[in-house]
Protein backbone atom coordinates (compact mmCIF):
# COMPACT_ATOMS: atom_id res chain seq x y z
CA MET A 1 62.81 152.44 73.30
CA ARG A 2 63.59 149.64 70.98
CA THR A 3 65.30 146.68 72.55
CA ARG A 4 67.94 144.72 70.75
CA PRO A 5 67.20 141.07 70.14
CA PRO A 6 69.32 138.63 72.18
CA LEU A 7 72.47 137.37 70.57
CA ARG A 8 72.31 133.83 69.23
CA PRO A 9 75.80 132.32 69.16
CA PRO A 10 75.70 129.85 66.30
CA ARG A 11 78.07 127.34 68.04
CA VAL A 12 76.26 126.78 71.29
CA ARG A 13 74.11 123.87 70.15
CA PRO A 14 76.82 122.05 68.16
CA ALA A 15 79.20 122.40 71.10
CA THR A 16 76.54 121.16 73.49
CA ALA A 17 75.89 118.24 71.21
CA ARG A 18 79.56 117.42 71.07
CA VAL A 19 79.78 117.48 74.88
CA ALA A 20 76.76 115.21 75.14
CA LEU A 21 78.18 112.79 72.62
CA THR A 22 81.54 112.78 74.40
CA ALA A 23 79.87 112.07 77.73
CA LEU A 24 77.88 109.24 76.16
CA ALA A 25 81.02 107.76 74.62
CA LEU A 26 82.84 107.92 77.95
CA ALA A 27 79.93 106.27 79.71
CA LEU A 28 79.86 103.47 77.20
CA THR A 29 83.63 103.02 77.45
CA VAL A 30 83.58 102.91 81.23
CA GLY A 31 80.67 100.51 81.18
CA GLY A 32 82.44 98.26 78.71
CA CYS A 33 85.63 98.28 80.78
CA ALA A 34 83.64 97.53 83.92
CA GLY A 35 82.21 94.48 82.22
CA LEU A 36 85.69 93.28 81.34
CA LEU A 37 87.02 93.93 84.84
CA GLN A 38 84.28 91.82 86.36
CA THR A 39 86.05 88.73 85.02
CA ALA A 40 88.99 89.25 87.45
CA PRO A 41 88.88 89.48 91.25
CA PRO A 42 89.03 93.08 92.49
CA ALA A 43 92.37 94.24 93.88
CA ARG A 44 92.40 94.65 97.64
CA PRO A 45 92.69 98.40 98.26
CA VAL A 46 95.67 99.21 100.47
CA ALA A 47 97.58 102.32 101.38
CA ASN A 48 101.09 102.46 100.02
CA ARG A 49 103.43 100.62 102.35
CA ALA A 50 106.23 99.50 100.03
CA PHE A 51 108.97 101.15 102.04
CA ALA A 52 107.50 100.53 105.51
CA ASP A 53 106.90 97.50 107.73
CA ALA A 54 103.89 95.30 107.07
CA ALA A 55 100.83 96.08 109.16
CA ASP A 56 101.65 93.04 111.30
CA PRO A 57 105.38 92.36 110.73
CA ALA A 58 105.27 89.05 112.61
CA ALA A 59 102.31 87.53 110.75
CA PRO A 60 102.97 85.06 107.89
CA ALA A 61 103.22 86.89 104.58
CA LEU A 62 103.26 86.10 100.88
CA LEU A 63 105.83 87.87 98.70
CA TRP A 64 106.81 87.62 95.05
CA ALA A 65 109.98 88.68 93.27
CA LEU A 66 110.82 89.34 89.63
CA GLY A 67 112.89 91.68 87.53
CA ASP A 68 113.67 92.79 83.97
CA ALA A 69 110.13 93.37 82.74
CA ASP A 70 108.49 95.72 80.26
CA ASP A 71 104.95 96.52 79.15
CA GLY A 72 104.59 93.52 76.84
CA PRO A 73 102.23 90.52 76.96
CA ALA A 74 104.70 88.15 78.65
CA ALA A 75 105.15 90.54 81.57
CA ALA A 76 101.39 91.09 81.78
CA ARG A 77 100.77 87.38 82.29
CA VAL A 78 103.38 87.17 85.03
CA ILE A 79 101.78 90.18 86.76
CA ALA A 80 98.34 88.59 86.54
CA ARG A 81 99.71 85.41 88.11
CA MET A 82 101.12 87.37 91.06
CA ALA A 83 98.05 89.59 91.48
CA ALA A 84 95.73 86.58 91.74
CA SER A 85 97.42 85.57 95.02
CA ASP A 86 96.89 88.98 96.67
CA PRO A 87 100.51 89.29 97.90
CA GLU A 88 101.76 91.42 100.76
CA ARG A 89 104.62 92.73 98.60
CA ILE A 90 106.26 92.34 95.22
CA LEU A 91 110.03 92.77 95.17
CA TYR A 92 110.96 94.32 91.82
CA LEU A 93 114.56 93.33 91.07
CA GLY A 94 115.44 96.19 88.73
CA ASP A 95 115.53 97.28 85.09
CA VAL A 96 112.63 98.77 83.20
CA TYR A 97 113.61 98.80 79.53
CA GLU A 98 115.43 100.32 77.82
CA THR A 99 116.60 103.25 79.94
CA GLY A 100 114.23 103.42 82.89
CA SER A 101 112.72 106.59 81.44
CA PRO A 102 109.60 108.16 82.99
CA GLN A 103 107.54 106.94 80.04
CA GLU A 104 108.84 103.36 80.31
CA LEU A 105 108.22 103.25 84.05
CA ARG A 106 104.65 104.51 83.64
CA ARG A 107 103.90 102.03 80.86
CA THR A 108 105.46 99.05 82.64
CA PHE A 109 103.82 99.61 86.01
CA ALA A 110 100.44 100.67 84.61
CA ALA A 111 99.65 96.96 84.30
CA TYR A 112 99.98 96.57 88.09
CA GLY A 113 97.06 98.88 88.78
CA PRO A 114 96.55 99.32 92.57
CA LEU A 115 99.13 96.56 93.09
CA VAL A 116 101.88 99.08 92.29
CA ARG A 117 101.49 100.36 95.84
CA ARG A 118 102.80 97.03 97.09
CA VAL A 119 105.93 97.02 94.92
CA ALA A 120 109.26 97.37 96.70
CA PRO A 121 111.85 98.20 94.00
CA THR A 122 115.59 98.25 93.58
CA PRO A 123 117.33 100.04 90.68
CA GLY A 124 118.96 98.16 87.82
CA ASN A 125 121.88 99.03 85.59
CA HIS A 126 119.47 100.32 82.92
CA ASP A 127 117.64 102.47 85.47
CA TRP A 128 120.48 103.98 87.47
CA PRO A 129 122.23 106.32 84.97
CA SER A 130 119.11 108.53 84.81
CA HIS A 131 117.54 107.54 88.13
CA ASP A 132 117.03 111.15 89.20
CA VAL A 133 114.50 111.81 86.43
CA GLY A 134 113.14 108.26 86.02
CA TYR A 135 113.31 105.81 88.92
CA ASP A 136 113.38 108.40 91.73
CA ARG A 137 110.55 110.55 90.41
CA PHE A 138 108.33 107.65 89.45
CA TRP A 139 108.50 105.94 92.83
CA ARG A 140 108.05 109.27 94.59
CA SER A 141 104.81 109.68 92.62
CA VAL A 142 103.71 106.27 93.94
CA THR A 143 104.84 106.60 97.56
CA GLY A 144 104.53 110.34 98.08
CA ALA A 145 108.00 110.48 99.59
CA ALA A 146 111.62 110.55 98.46
CA THR A 147 112.81 107.21 97.13
CA PRO A 148 115.82 105.88 99.05
CA PRO A 149 118.54 104.06 97.06
CA TRP A 150 118.47 101.36 99.78
CA TYR A 151 116.01 100.62 102.57
CA GLY A 152 114.57 97.86 104.73
CA PHE A 153 111.20 96.71 106.05
CA ALA A 154 109.72 93.84 108.05
CA ALA A 155 107.22 91.27 106.79
CA GLY A 156 106.39 87.67 107.64
CA GLY A 157 108.74 87.68 110.62
CA TRP A 158 111.65 88.51 108.29
CA ARG A 159 113.74 91.59 107.59
CA ILE A 160 113.70 92.50 103.87
CA LEU A 161 116.58 94.64 102.57
CA SER A 162 116.56 96.46 99.22
CA LEU A 163 120.18 97.16 98.24
CA ASN A 164 121.71 98.97 95.28
CA SER A 165 124.04 96.90 93.09
CA GLU A 166 124.95 100.03 91.10
CA THR A 167 126.70 101.59 94.12
CA PRO A 168 128.09 98.51 95.91
CA ARG A 169 130.94 100.38 97.62
CA ASP A 170 128.98 103.39 98.79
CA PRO A 171 129.99 104.00 102.44
CA GLY A 172 126.44 105.00 103.36
CA GLN A 173 125.03 101.76 101.99
CA ARG A 174 127.64 99.73 103.80
CA ARG A 175 126.87 101.45 107.11
CA PHE A 176 123.15 100.88 106.53
CA LEU A 177 123.73 97.20 105.79
CA ARG A 178 125.92 96.63 108.86
CA ALA A 179 123.31 98.23 111.10
CA GLU A 180 120.46 96.22 109.57
CA LEU A 181 122.26 92.90 109.87
CA ALA A 182 123.33 93.63 113.45
CA GLY A 183 119.69 94.30 114.33
CA ALA A 184 118.37 91.07 112.77
CA PRO A 185 119.49 88.27 115.08
CA GLY A 186 118.95 84.74 113.85
CA GLY A 187 119.49 85.61 110.21
CA CYS A 188 115.82 85.87 109.15
CA VAL A 189 116.90 88.25 106.39
CA ILE A 190 116.14 88.47 102.66
CA ALA A 191 118.33 90.83 100.64
CA PHE A 192 117.61 91.82 97.06
CA TRP A 193 119.49 93.82 94.46
CA HIS A 194 119.78 93.80 90.68
CA ARG A 195 123.07 92.32 89.43
CA PRO A 196 123.88 88.87 90.91
CA ARG A 197 127.23 88.10 92.45
CA PHE A 198 127.07 84.63 90.89
CA SER A 199 125.18 83.55 87.77
CA ALA A 200 125.35 80.76 85.22
CA GLY A 201 123.53 82.97 82.73
CA ARG A 202 124.70 85.19 79.89
CA HIS A 203 126.01 88.00 82.12
CA GLY A 204 127.89 85.66 84.46
CA ASP A 205 129.30 86.65 87.84
CA ALA A 206 129.35 90.32 88.84
CA ALA A 207 132.62 90.65 90.75
CA ASP A 208 132.07 94.31 91.61
CA VAL A 209 129.08 93.53 93.84
CA ALA A 210 131.29 91.40 96.10
CA PRO A 211 131.00 93.94 98.98
CA LEU A 212 127.24 93.32 99.13
CA TRP A 213 127.59 89.57 98.87
CA GLU A 214 130.34 89.32 101.47
CA ALA A 215 128.28 91.42 103.88
CA VAL A 216 125.21 89.16 103.67
CA ARG A 217 126.89 85.79 103.13
CA GLY A 218 126.09 83.60 106.12
CA ARG A 219 123.91 86.33 107.61
CA ALA A 220 120.99 86.47 105.17
CA ALA A 221 119.10 83.30 104.33
CA LEU A 222 118.11 84.41 100.83
CA VAL A 223 119.46 86.80 98.19
CA LEU A 224 117.31 87.69 95.15
CA ASN A 225 118.65 89.20 91.93
CA GLY A 226 117.63 89.94 88.36
CA HIS A 227 119.81 91.10 85.44
CA ASP A 228 120.15 87.69 83.75
CA HIS A 229 116.84 87.07 81.96
CA ASP A 230 116.27 83.56 83.28
CA LEU A 231 115.49 81.65 86.46
CA GLN A 232 118.23 80.13 88.63
CA ARG A 233 118.61 78.78 92.15
CA LEU A 234 122.18 78.32 93.28
CA ARG A 235 123.32 75.94 95.98
CA PRO A 236 123.63 77.54 99.43
CA ASP A 237 126.91 79.22 100.29
CA ALA A 238 127.54 79.41 104.06
CA GLY A 239 123.78 79.10 104.55
CA THR A 240 122.85 81.81 102.02
CA THR A 241 120.84 80.84 98.93
CA GLU A 242 121.00 83.06 95.84
CA ILE A 243 118.12 83.08 93.34
CA VAL A 244 118.15 84.87 89.99
CA ALA A 245 114.68 85.88 88.81
CA GLY A 246 115.17 88.07 85.74
CA ALA A 247 112.56 86.31 83.59
CA GLY A 248 109.95 89.01 84.17
CA GLY A 249 109.06 89.49 80.52
CA HIS A 250 111.79 91.28 78.53
CA GLY A 251 113.30 88.40 76.57
CA LEU A 252 115.12 85.30 77.83
CA TYR A 253 118.85 84.51 78.14
CA PRO A 254 120.44 81.04 78.06
CA VAL A 255 121.81 79.38 81.19
CA ASP A 256 124.75 76.98 81.36
CA ALA A 257 122.90 74.11 82.99
CA SER A 258 126.19 72.25 83.50
CA ASP A 259 127.35 74.83 86.04
CA ARG A 260 127.86 72.83 89.23
CA ARG A 261 126.74 75.73 91.41
CA LEU A 262 123.19 75.36 90.14
CA ALA A 263 120.45 73.55 92.03
CA PHE A 264 117.84 74.58 89.44
CA SER A 265 117.65 76.60 86.23
CA GLU A 266 115.12 77.50 83.54
CA ASP A 267 115.82 79.64 80.49
CA ARG A 268 112.83 78.97 78.24
CA ARG A 269 109.93 80.21 80.34
CA TYR A 270 108.98 83.51 81.92
CA GLY A 271 108.11 83.48 85.58
CA ALA A 272 108.65 84.80 89.10
CA VAL A 273 109.55 83.63 92.59
CA ARG A 274 106.84 83.10 95.22
CA MET A 275 107.85 83.22 98.90
CA ALA A 276 105.57 82.17 101.74
CA LEU A 277 107.28 83.62 104.81
CA GLY A 278 106.73 82.18 108.26
CA PRO A 279 108.59 81.86 111.55
CA ARG A 280 112.23 81.02 110.77
CA SER A 281 111.55 79.51 107.33
CA ALA A 282 110.30 80.40 103.87
CA ALA A 283 108.67 78.14 101.28
CA VAL A 284 110.14 79.30 97.97
CA THR A 285 108.50 78.37 94.66
CA VAL A 286 109.52 79.31 91.14
CA VAL A 287 106.32 79.72 89.14
CA ALA A 288 105.98 80.04 85.35
CA ARG A 289 103.60 82.60 83.88
CA ASP A 290 101.07 79.84 83.14
CA GLY A 291 101.10 78.76 86.80
CA ALA A 292 103.33 75.71 86.37
CA VAL A 293 105.59 75.10 89.38
CA LEU A 294 109.16 74.85 88.14
CA ASP A 295 111.05 74.51 91.42
CA ARG A 296 110.37 74.17 95.14
CA SER A 297 112.70 74.73 98.06
CA THR A 298 112.67 75.70 101.72
CA VAL A 299 114.97 78.40 103.03
CA ARG A 300 115.64 78.55 106.75
CA CYS A 301 116.97 81.47 108.71
CA ALA A 302 120.74 81.62 108.60
CA ARG A 303 122.66 81.61 111.85
CA GLY A 304 125.88 83.28 110.77
CA PRO A 305 128.16 85.57 112.77
CA ALA A 306 127.21 89.12 113.60
CA ALA A 307 128.05 91.62 110.89
CA GLY A 308 131.40 93.30 111.32
């Protein structure tokens, strides 16, 4: 019997060659990237714990805060400045431009690398209208769990509260806030949300967030906000200091430096707020993206009345 010769598919070798070339190109790319990454210290690998207490809630902790960033070079330099200090957490004060879309969130937080697992966010006015498809889904992909619109965690001996300035009168949020403040005796509390109650910047005061401010005034030592694209520290009100840190990278807004409520302001430099938390006090530093220290202050735990 005559046997048929084996088939010889004409594309096997070219395809194999293409695969080999692709593998070689990937190897070279990875090798090149590895060489570049060797110039920066490796990120400390940690499990996601953004919405949970620190591993040792009573131990001193380093936190940063910033808001209103994007995926541009200014934001990248601020991120690099924060990453170099290996922080326990980064409080992201809201708004990923322009609409908080899934694509914008992925691009903006790609620069954080493994550090994204240490980001504790709050939604901004740009993020909230489509939060169900953008903000909520993105942070669920990071944390592996549903993203609460408000939450709290412990770090550095302090209670840290992420609140939602886009729903300031929500009964659920108000109940949550009353319970949190009642359970934090001594006022070692930091609250953060997006739109500031008071600001000498372009947006000015946000009267509609008064329910949040009135709840924490005299009970929280520090309130952190974004929204205005600048850096401000206001004088304490009933023991509560408000800081605006919206100079995360997406443009800068002017500040009325003559506003008598201001203790410090900067509207020409990008930067973030560094907080070294310890027992009953926090060393707060406003740091420019080039590392220059713009402002220093010490915030001590408030001793206001119990929340009503």
